[in-house]
C-alpha atoms as a PDB file:
ATOM      1  CA  MET A   1     -76.119 -23.137  77.934  1.00  0.00           C
ATOM      2  CA  LEU A   2     -78.400 -23.945  75.029  1.00  0.00           C
ATOM      3  CA  LYS A   3     -78.925 -20.221  74.424  1.00  0.00           C
ATOM      4  CA  GLU A   4     -75.177 -19.685  74.136  1.00  0.00           C
ATOM      5  CA  VAL A   5     -74.813 -22.554  71.670  1.00  0.00           C
ATOM      6  CA  ASN A   6     -77.590 -21.104  69.549  1.00  0.00           C
ATOM      7  CA  LYS A   7     -75.805 -17.721  69.479  1.00  0.00           C
ATOM      8  CA  ILE A   8     -72.855 -19.243  67.634  1.00  0.00           C
ATOM      9  CA  ARG A   9     -72.994 -18.304  63.987  1.00  0.00           C
ATOM     10  CA  TRP A  10     -72.315 -21.487  62.076  1.00  0.00           C
ATOM     11  CA  SER A  11     -70.673 -21.313  58.685  1.00  0.00           C
ATOM     12  CA  ASN A  12     -72.875 -22.190  55.782  1.00  0.00           C
ATOM     13  CA  ARG A  13     -71.716 -23.736  52.519  1.00  0.00           C
ATOM     14  CA  LYS A  14     -71.297 -20.389  50.729  1.00  0.00           C
ATOM     15  CA  ASN A  15     -69.292 -18.900  53.597  1.00  0.00           C
ATOM     16  CA  LEU A  16     -67.002 -21.926  53.796  1.00  0.00           C
ATOM     17  CA  GLY A  17     -66.442 -21.838  50.039  1.00  0.00           C
ATOM     18  CA  GLN A  18     -65.462 -18.194  50.242  1.00  0.00           C
ATOM     19  CA  LYS A  19     -63.063 -18.830  53.138  1.00  0.00           C
ATOM     20  CA  PHE A  20     -61.509 -21.753  51.250  1.00  0.00           C
ATOM     21  CA  THR A  21     -61.036 -19.547  48.179  1.00  0.00           C
ATOM     22  CA  TRP A  22     -59.273 -16.877  50.258  1.00  0.00           C
ATOM     23  CA  VAL A  23     -56.980 -19.464  51.848  1.00  0.00           C
ATOM     24  CA  ILE A  24     -56.011 -20.885  48.448  1.00  0.00           C
ATOM     25  CA  THR A  25     -55.443 -17.355  47.110  1.00  0.00           C
ATOM     26  CA  PHE A  26     -53.119 -16.432  49.980  1.00  0.00           C
ATOM     27  CA  LEU A  27     -51.237 -19.725  49.630  1.00  0.00           C
ATOM     28  CA  ILE A  28     -50.624 -19.039  45.943  1.00  0.00           C
ATOM     29  CA  ILE A  29     -49.561 -15.432  46.586  1.00  0.00           C
ATOM     30  CA  PHE A  30     -47.153 -16.304  49.409  1.00  0.00           C
ATOM     31  CA  GLY A  31     -45.832 -19.301  47.474  1.00  0.00           C
ATOM     32  CA  ALA A  32     -45.021 -17.105  44.481  1.00  0.00           C
ATOM     33  CA  PHE A  33     -43.493 -14.460  46.762  1.00  0.00           C
ATOM     34  CA  PHE A  34     -41.147 -16.883  48.523  1.00  0.00           C
ATOM     35  CA  TYR A  35     -40.282 -18.613  45.236  1.00  0.00           C
ATOM     36  CA  ALA A  36     -39.263 -15.215  43.821  1.00  0.00           C
ATOM     37  CA  ILE A  37     -37.129 -14.492  46.898  1.00  0.00           C
ATOM     38  CA  ASP A  38     -35.473 -17.924  46.629  1.00  0.00           C
ATOM     39  CA  THR A  39     -34.726 -17.441  42.932  1.00  0.00           C
ATOM     40  CA  GLY A  40     -33.382 -13.948  43.553  1.00  0.00           C
ATOM     41  CA  LEU A  41     -31.081 -15.124  46.350  1.00  0.00           C
ATOM     42  CA  LYS A  42     -29.789 -18.006  44.210  1.00  0.00           C
ATOM     43  CA  TYR A  43     -28.996 -15.576  41.404  1.00  0.00           C
ATOM     44  CA  LEU A  44     -27.320 -13.176  43.839  1.00  0.00           C
ATOM     45  CA  PHE A  45     -25.150 -15.919  45.356  1.00  0.00           C
ATOM     46  CA  VAL A  46     -24.107 -17.150  41.904  1.00  0.00           C
ATOM     47  CA  LEU A  47     -23.327 -13.574  40.881  1.00  0.00           C
ATOM     48  CA  LEU A  48     -21.185 -13.047  43.997  1.00  0.00           C
ATOM     49  CA  LYS A  49     -19.595 -16.510  43.497  1.00  0.00           C
ATOM     50  CA  ILE A  50     -20.536 -17.592  47.016  1.00  0.00           C
ATOM     51  CA  VAL A  51     -22.038 -20.880  45.860  1.00  0.00           C
END
């Protein structure tokens, strides 16, 4: 069992920093994407006088 535990590749500080950066990047991209969709739908509903 000790051999199997030693086979696990643990994340080092640099690797974790890179993963954190990617997560933040995707959060910003998807946040901007859904904000744009929300704004577009609001404008469309106002234009069609639904709301």
